Amino acid sequence: SREEYGIYVQDEILFGDNVRWVIGARGDDIDPIGTVFSPRTSLIFKVAPKHTMRLSYNRAFRAPSMVQNY
């Protein structure tokens, strides 16, 4: 067996009515790998009343399967 724990935090910062900055992070502790950090951030622009444009960056992690571990 293995144990996995994770936590995620996110915040949103408004720059006026047309720009939002979303920033978040996830931390996972996976036995036997250790701690993994996955950040994400997005800038969201309101370009028209019903349209937005997003510029994003994130990094993800996939835990190995039980077969890959052993």
PDB file of N, CA and C in Angstrom:
ATOM      1  N   SER A   1       0.840  -1.192   0.000  1.00  0.00           N
ATOM      2  CA  SER A   1       0.000   0.000   0.000  1.00  0.00           C
ATOM      3  C   SER A   1       0.880   1.249   0.000  1.00  0.00           C
ATOM      4  N   ARG A   2       0.271   2.362  -0.310  1.00  0.00           N
ATOM      5  CA  ARG A   2       0.991   3.633  -0.235  1.00  0.00           C
ATOM      6  C   ARG A   2       0.045   4.704   0.280  1.00  0.00           C
ATOM      7  N   GLU A   3       0.620   5.751   0.819  1.00  0.00           N
ATOM      8  CA  GLU A   3      -0.169   6.857   1.352  1.00  0.00           C
ATOM      9  C   GLU A   3       0.055   8.095   0.499  1.00  0.00           C
ATOM     10  N   GLU A   4      -1.035   8.842   0.274  1.00  0.00           N
ATOM     11  CA  GLU A   4      -0.970  10.087  -0.487  1.00  0.00           C
ATOM     12  C   GLU A   4      -1.761  11.159   0.247  1.00  0.00           C
ATOM     13  N   TYR A   5      -1.164  12.345   0.358  1.00  0.00           N
ATOM     14  CA  TYR A   5      -1.834  13.495   0.958  1.00  0.00           C
ATOM     15  C   TYR A   5      -1.642  14.686   0.038  1.00  0.00           C
ATOM     16  N   GLY A   6      -2.640  15.548  -0.038  1.00  0.00           N
ATOM     17  CA  GLY A   6      -2.519  16.717  -0.898  1.00  0.00           C
ATOM     18  C   GLY A   6      -3.272  17.906  -0.337  1.00  0.00           C
ATOM     19  N   ILE A   7      -2.826  19.090  -0.734  1.00  0.00           N
ATOM     20  CA  ILE A   7      -3.503  20.327  -0.342  1.00  0.00           C
ATOM     21  C   ILE A   7      -3.445  21.286  -1.531  1.00  0.00           C
ATOM     22  N   TYR A   8      -4.507  22.080  -1.714  1.00  0.00           N
ATOM     23  CA  TYR A   8      -4.569  23.032  -2.818  1.00  0.00           C
ATOM     24  C   TYR A   8      -5.025  24.376  -2.273  1.00  0.00           C
ATOM     25  N   VAL A   9      -4.367  25.440  -2.687  1.00  0.00           N
ATOM     26  CA  VAL A   9      -4.777  26.797  -2.325  1.00  0.00           C
ATOM     27  C   VAL A   9      -4.851  27.630  -3.598  1.00  0.00           C
ATOM     28  N   GLN A  10      -5.781  28.591  -3.601  1.00  0.00           N
ATOM     29  CA  GLN A  10      -5.950  29.456  -4.769  1.00  0.00           C
ATOM     30  C   GLN A  10      -6.454  30.810  -4.311  1.00  0.00           C
ATOM     31  N   ASP A  11      -6.033  31.848  -4.992  1.00  0.00           N
ATOM     32  CA  ASP A  11      -6.506  33.197  -4.707  1.00  0.00           C
ATOM     33  C   ASP A  11      -6.736  33.917  -6.032  1.00  0.00           C
ATOM     34  N   GLU A  12      -7.574  34.912  -5.988  1.00  0.00           N
ATOM     35  CA  GLU A  12      -7.889  35.699  -7.176  1.00  0.00           C
ATOM     36  C   GLU A  12      -7.721  37.171  -6.835  1.00  0.00           C
ATOM     37  N   ILE A  13      -6.965  37.883  -7.650  1.00  0.00           N
ATOM     38  CA  ILE A  13      -6.713  39.304  -7.437  1.00  0.00           C
ATOM     39  C   ILE A  13      -7.325  40.066  -8.608  1.00  0.00           C
ATOM     40  N   LEU A  14      -8.130  41.066  -8.291  1.00  0.00           N
ATOM     41  CA  LEU A  14      -8.801  41.858  -9.320  1.00  0.00           C
ATOM     42  C   LEU A  14      -8.010  43.128  -9.596  1.00  0.00           C
ATOM     43  N   PHE A  15      -7.831  43.442 -10.866  1.00  0.00           N
ATOM     44  CA  PHE A  15      -7.215  44.686 -11.310  1.00  0.00           C
ATOM     45  C   PHE A  15      -8.269  45.447 -12.108  1.00  0.00           C
ATOM     46  N   GLY A  16      -9.124  46.148 -11.436  1.00  0.00           N
ATOM     47  CA  GLY A  16     -10.217  46.848 -12.099  1.00  0.00           C
ATOM     48  C   GLY A  16     -11.317  45.870 -12.486  1.00  0.00           C
ATOM     49  N   ASP A  17     -12.113  46.258 -13.462  1.00  0.00           N
ATOM     50  CA  ASP A  17     -13.240  45.434 -13.897  1.00  0.00           C
ATOM     51  C   ASP A  17     -12.884  44.452 -15.007  1.00  0.00           C
ATOM     52  N   ASN A  18     -11.722  44.602 -15.634  1.00  0.00           N
ATOM     53  CA  ASN A  18     -11.436  43.824 -16.837  1.00  0.00           C
ATOM     54  C   ASN A  18     -10.284  42.836 -16.729  1.00  0.00           C
ATOM     55  N   VAL A  19      -9.557  42.820 -15.624  1.00  0.00           N
ATOM     56  CA  VAL A  19      -8.403  41.929 -15.502  1.00  0.00           C
ATOM     57  C   VAL A  19      -8.436  41.226 -14.148  1.00  0.00           C
ATOM     58  N   ARG A  20      -8.258  39.905 -14.192  1.00  0.00           N
ATOM     59  CA  ARG A  20      -8.156  39.092 -12.972  1.00  0.00           C
ATOM     60  C   ARG A  20      -6.875  38.272 -13.038  1.00  0.00           C
ATOM     61  N   TRP A  21      -6.223  38.115 -11.904  1.00  0.00           N
ATOM     62  CA  TRP A  21      -5.045  37.258 -11.799  1.00  0.00           C
ATOM     63  C   TRP A  21      -5.394  36.143 -10.831  1.00  0.00           C
ATOM     64  N   VAL A  22      -5.354  34.921 -11.302  1.00  0.00           N
ATOM     65  CA  VAL A  22      -5.635  33.752 -10.472  1.00  0.00           C
ATOM     66  C   VAL A  22      -4.312  33.036 -10.247  1.00  0.00           C
ATOM     67  N   ILE A  23      -4.001  32.781  -8.987  1.00  0.00           N
ATOM     68  CA  ILE A  23      -2.757  32.100  -8.636  1.00  0.00           C
ATOM     69  C   ILE A  23      -3.089  30.967  -7.671  1.00  0.00           C
ATOM     70  N   GLY A  24      -2.489  29.823  -7.910  1.00  0.00           N
ATOM     71  CA  GLY A  24      -2.766  28.671  -7.064  1.00  0.00           C
ATOM     72  C   GLY A  24      -1.581  27.733  -7.015  1.00  0.00           C
ATOM     73  N   ALA A  25      -1.648  26.818  -6.074  1.00  0.00           N
ATOM     74  CA  ALA A  25      -0.582  25.828  -5.927  1.00  0.00           C
ATOM     75  C   ALA A  25      -1.150  24.585  -5.267  1.00  0.00           C
ATOM     76  N   ARG A  26      -0.603  23.459  -5.649  1.00  0.00           N
ATOM     77  CA  ARG A  26      -0.967  22.184  -5.042  1.00  0.00           C
ATOM     78  C   ARG A  26       0.311  21.523  -4.556  1.00  0.00           C
ATOM     79  N   GLY A  27       0.243  21.007  -3.350  1.00  0.00           N
ATOM     80  CA  GLY A  27       1.351  20.241  -2.801  1.00  0.00           C
ATOM     81  C   GLY A  27       0.876  18.836  -2.505  1.00  0.00           C
ATOM     82  N   ASP A  28       1.636  17.853  -2.936  1.00  0.00           N
ATOM     83  CA  ASP A  28       1.304  16.450  -2.695  1.00  0.00           C
ATOM     84  C   ASP A  28       2.465  15.777  -1.988  1.00  0.00           C
ATOM     85  N   ASP A  29       2.140  14.932  -1.042  1.00  0.00           N
ATOM     86  CA  ASP A  29       3.139  14.091  -0.384  1.00  0.00           C
ATOM     87  C   ASP A  29       2.767  12.654  -0.714  1.00  0.00           C
ATOM     88  N   ILE A  30       3.577  12.026  -1.535  1.00  0.00           N
ATOM     89  CA  ILE A  30       3.281  10.688  -2.039  1.00  0.00           C
ATOM     90  C   ILE A  30       4.381   9.746  -1.586  1.00  0.00           C
ATOM     91  N   ASP A  31       3.986   8.736  -0.842  1.00  0.00           N
ATOM     92  CA  ASP A  31       4.932   7.726  -0.373  1.00  0.00           C
ATOM     93  C   ASP A  31       5.086   6.681  -1.469  1.00  0.00           C
ATOM     94  N   PRO A  32       6.205   6.360  -1.964  1.00  0.00           N
ATOM     95  CA  PRO A  32       7.572   6.616  -1.501  1.00  0.00           C
ATOM     96  C   PRO A  32       8.294   7.729  -2.257  1.00  0.00           C
ATOM     97  N   ILE A  33       7.607   8.539  -3.069  1.00  0.00           N
ATOM     98  CA  ILE A  33       8.262   9.535  -3.916  1.00  0.00           C
ATOM     99  C   ILE A  33       8.731  10.750  -3.122  1.00  0.00           C
ATOM    100  N   GLY A  34       7.863  11.275  -2.275  1.00  0.00           N
ATOM    101  CA  GLY A  34       8.172  12.484  -1.517  1.00  0.00           C
ATOM    102  C   GLY A  34       7.208  13.599  -1.869  1.00  0.00           C
ATOM    103  N   THR A  35       7.625  14.824  -1.612  1.00  0.00           N
ATOM    104  CA  THR A  35       6.772  15.990  -1.807  1.00  0.00           C
ATOM    105  C   THR A  35       6.918  16.539  -3.225  1.00  0.00           C
ATOM    106  N   VAL A  36       5.775  16.869  -3.834  1.00  0.00           N
ATOM    107  CA  VAL A  36       5.740  17.419  -5.192  1.00  0.00           C
ATOM    108  C   VAL A  36       4.934  18.714  -5.150  1.00  0.00           C
ATOM    109  N   PHE A  37       5.439  19.767  -5.800  1.00  0.00           N
ATOM    110  CA  PHE A  37       4.798  21.078  -5.840  1.00  0.00           C
ATOM    111  C   PHE A  37       4.329  21.360  -7.266  1.00  0.00           C
ATOM    112  N   SER A  38       3.053  21.755  -7.422  1.00  0.00           N
ATOM    113  CA  SER A  38       2.481  22.039  -8.744  1.00  0.00           C
ATOM    114  C   SER A  38       1.853  23.434  -8.740  1.00  0.00           C
ATOM    115  N   PRO A  39       2.534  24.443  -9.298  1.00  0.00           N
ATOM    116  CA  PRO A  39       1.980  25.795  -9.332  1.00  0.00           C
ATOM    117  C   PRO A  39       1.080  26.016 -10.546  1.00  0.00           C
ATOM    118  N   ARG A  40       0.223  27.030 -10.449  1.00  0.00           N
ATOM    119  CA  ARG A  40      -0.563  27.462 -11.606  1.00  0.00           C
ATOM    120  C   ARG A  40      -0.847  28.942 -11.466  1.00  0.00           C
ATOM    121  N   THR A  41      -0.945  29.622 -12.593  1.00  0.00           N
ATOM    122  CA  THR A  41      -1.296  31.036 -12.599  1.00  0.00           C
ATOM    123  C   THR A  41      -2.007  31.362 -13.912  1.00  0.00           C
ATOM    124  N   SER A  42      -2.924  32.304 -13.855  1.00  0.00           N
ATOM    125  CA  SER A  42      -3.667  32.729 -15.046  1.00  0.00           C
ATOM    126  C   SER A  42      -3.929  34.225 -14.975  1.00  0.00           C
ATOM    127  N   LEU A  43      -3.829  34.873 -16.114  1.00  0.00           N
ATOM    128  CA  LEU A  43      -4.307  36.237 -16.281  1.00  0.00           C
ATOM    129  C   LEU A  43      -5.534  36.162 -17.171  1.00  0.00           C
ATOM    130  N   ILE A  44      -6.633  36.723 -16.699  1.00  0.00           N
ATOM    131  CA  ILE A  44      -7.894  36.653 -17.433  1.00  0.00           C
ATOM    132  C   ILE A  44      -8.315  38.076 -17.791  1.00  0.00           C
ATOM    133  N   PHE A  45      -8.479  38.315 -19.083  1.00  0.00           N
ATOM    134  CA  PHE A  45      -8.842  39.633 -19.589  1.00  0.00           C
ATOM    135  C   PHE A  45     -10.269  39.593 -20.121  1.00  0.00           C
ATOM    136  N   LYS A  46     -11.088  40.525 -19.687  1.00  0.00           N
ATOM    137  CA  LYS A  46     -12.439  40.662 -20.236  1.00  0.00           C
ATOM    138  C   LYS A  46     -12.338  41.583 -21.448  1.00  0.00           C
ATOM    139  N   VAL A  47     -12.441  40.990 -22.641  1.00  0.00           N
ATOM    140  CA  VAL A  47     -12.253  41.764 -23.873  1.00  0.00           C
ATOM    141  C   VAL A  47     -13.560  42.306 -24.446  1.00  0.00           C
ATOM    142  N   ALA A  48     -14.682  41.743 -24.027  1.00  0.00           N
ATOM    143  CA  ALA A  48     -16.014  42.189 -24.445  1.00  0.00           C
ATOM    144  C   ALA A  48     -16.986  41.714 -23.367  1.00  0.00           C
ATOM    145  N   PRO A  49     -18.203  42.221 -23.348  1.00  0.00           N
ATOM    146  CA  PRO A  49     -19.132  41.826 -22.284  1.00  0.00           C
ATOM    147  C   PRO A  49     -19.322  40.312 -22.124  1.00  0.00           C
ATOM    148  N   LYS A  50     -19.279  39.545 -23.210  1.00  0.00           N
ATOM    149  CA  LYS A  50     -19.487  38.095 -23.114  1.00  0.00           C
ATOM    150  C   LYS A  50     -18.252  37.289 -23.503  1.00  0.00           C
ATOM    151  N   HIS A  51     -17.084  37.938 -23.560  1.00  0.00           N
ATOM    152  CA  HIS A  51     -15.876  37.239 -24.011  1.00  0.00           C
ATOM    153  C   HIS A  51     -14.700  37.542 -23.086  1.00  0.00           C
ATOM    154  N   THR A  52     -13.939  36.502 -22.777  1.00  0.00           N
ATOM    155  CA  THR A  52     -12.707  36.666 -22.018  1.00  0.00           C
ATOM    156  C   THR A  52     -11.569  35.970 -22.754  1.00  0.00           C
ATOM    157  N   MET A  53     -10.358  36.395 -22.435  1.00  0.00           N
ATOM    158  CA  MET A  53      -9.161  35.771 -22.972  1.00  0.00           C
ATOM    159  C   MET A  53      -8.287  35.405 -21.772  1.00  0.00           C
ATOM    160  N   ARG A  54      -7.710  34.212 -21.809  1.00  0.00           N
ATOM    161  CA  ARG A  54      -6.923  33.735 -20.679  1.00  0.00           C
ATOM    162  C   ARG A  54      -5.515  33.362 -21.124  1.00  0.00           C
ATOM    163  N   LEU A  55      -4.537  33.769 -20.335  1.00  0.00           N
ATOM    164  CA  LEU A  55      -3.143  33.388 -20.506  1.00  0.00           C
ATOM    165  C   LEU A  55      -2.766  32.604 -19.255  1.00  0.00           C
ATOM    166  N   SER A  56      -2.400  31.327 -19.426  1.00  0.00           N
ATOM    167  CA  SER A  56      -2.191  30.453 -18.269  1.00  0.00           C
ATOM    168  C   SER A  56      -0.854  29.734 -18.319  1.00  0.00           C
ATOM    169  N   TYR A  57      -0.369  29.393 -17.132  1.00  0.00           N
ATOM    170  CA  TYR A  57       0.792  28.522 -16.960  1.00  0.00           C
ATOM    171  C   TYR A  57       0.478  27.587 -15.804  1.00  0.00           C
ATOM    172  N   ASN A  58       0.794  26.316 -15.977  1.00  0.00           N
ATOM    173  CA  ASN A  58       0.677  25.386 -14.858  1.00  0.00           C
ATOM    174  C   ASN A  58       1.634  24.223 -15.065  1.00  0.00           C
ATOM    175  N   ARG A  59       1.912  23.559 -13.976  1.00  0.00           N
ATOM    176  CA  ARG A  59       2.745  22.362 -14.023  1.00  0.00           C
ATOM    177  C   ARG A  59       1.995  21.293 -13.247  1.00  0.00           C
ATOM    178  N   ALA A  60       1.911  20.116 -13.814  1.00  0.00           N
ATOM    179  CA  ALA A  60       1.154  19.032 -13.193  1.00  0.00           C
ATOM    180  C   ALA A  60       2.064  17.837 -12.949  1.00  0.00           C
ATOM    181  N   PHE A  61       1.597  16.977 -12.087  1.00  0.00           N
ATOM    182  CA  PHE A  61       2.346  15.781 -11.729  1.00  0.00           C
ATOM    183  C   PHE A  61       1.384  14.609 -11.697  1.00  0.00           C
ATOM    184  N   ARG A  62       1.785  13.506 -12.287  1.00  0.00           N
ATOM    185  CA  ARG A  62       0.986  12.282 -12.226  1.00  0.00           C
ATOM    186  C   ARG A  62       1.757  11.276 -11.395  1.00  0.00           C
ATOM    187  N   ALA A  63       1.116  10.799 -10.343  1.00  0.00           N
ATOM    188  CA  ALA A  63       1.758   9.799  -9.490  1.00  0.00           C
ATOM    189  C   ALA A  63       1.895   8.488 -10.257  1.00  0.00           C
ATOM    190  N   PRO A  64       3.014   7.804 -10.094  1.00  0.00           N
ATOM    191  CA  PRO A  64       3.176   6.518 -10.771  1.00  0.00           C
ATOM    192  C   PRO A  64       2.197   5.479 -10.224  1.00  0.00           C
ATOM    193  N   SER A  65       1.845   4.530 -11.073  1.00  0.00           N
ATOM    194  CA  SER A  65       0.949   3.458 -10.637  1.00  0.00           C
ATOM    195  C   SER A  65       1.686   2.529  -9.683  1.00  0.00           C
ATOM    196  N   MET A  66       0.957   1.643  -9.051  1.00  0.00           N
ATOM    197  CA  MET A  66       1.578   0.681  -8.135  1.00  0.00           C
ATOM    198  C   MET A  66       2.576  -0.203  -8.881  1.00  0.00           C
ATOM    199  N   VAL A  67       2.286  -0.552 -10.131  1.00  0.00           N
ATOM    200  CA  VAL A  67       3.196  -1.383 -10.926  1.00  0.00           C
ATOM    201  C   VAL A  67       4.488  -0.620 -11.212  1.00  0.00           C
ATOM    202  N   GLN A  68       4.387   0.666 -11.521  1.00  0.00           N
ATOM    203  CA  GLN A  68       5.575   1.465 -11.797  1.00  0.00           C
ATOM    204  C   GLN A  68       6.426   1.680 -10.546  1.00  0.00           C
ATOM    205  N   ASN A  69       5.800   1.669  -9.377  1.00  0.00           N
ATOM    206  CA  ASN A  69       6.542   1.855  -8.125  1.00  0.00           C
ATOM    207  C   ASN A  69       7.397   0.649  -7.784  1.00  0.00           C
ATOM    208  N   TYR A  70       6.953  -0.540  -8.154  1.00  0.00           N
ATOM    209  CA  TYR A  70       7.636  -1.757  -7.672  1.00  0.00           C
ATOM    210  C   TYR A  70       8.073  -2.655  -8.792  1.00  0.00           C
TER     211      TYR A  70
END
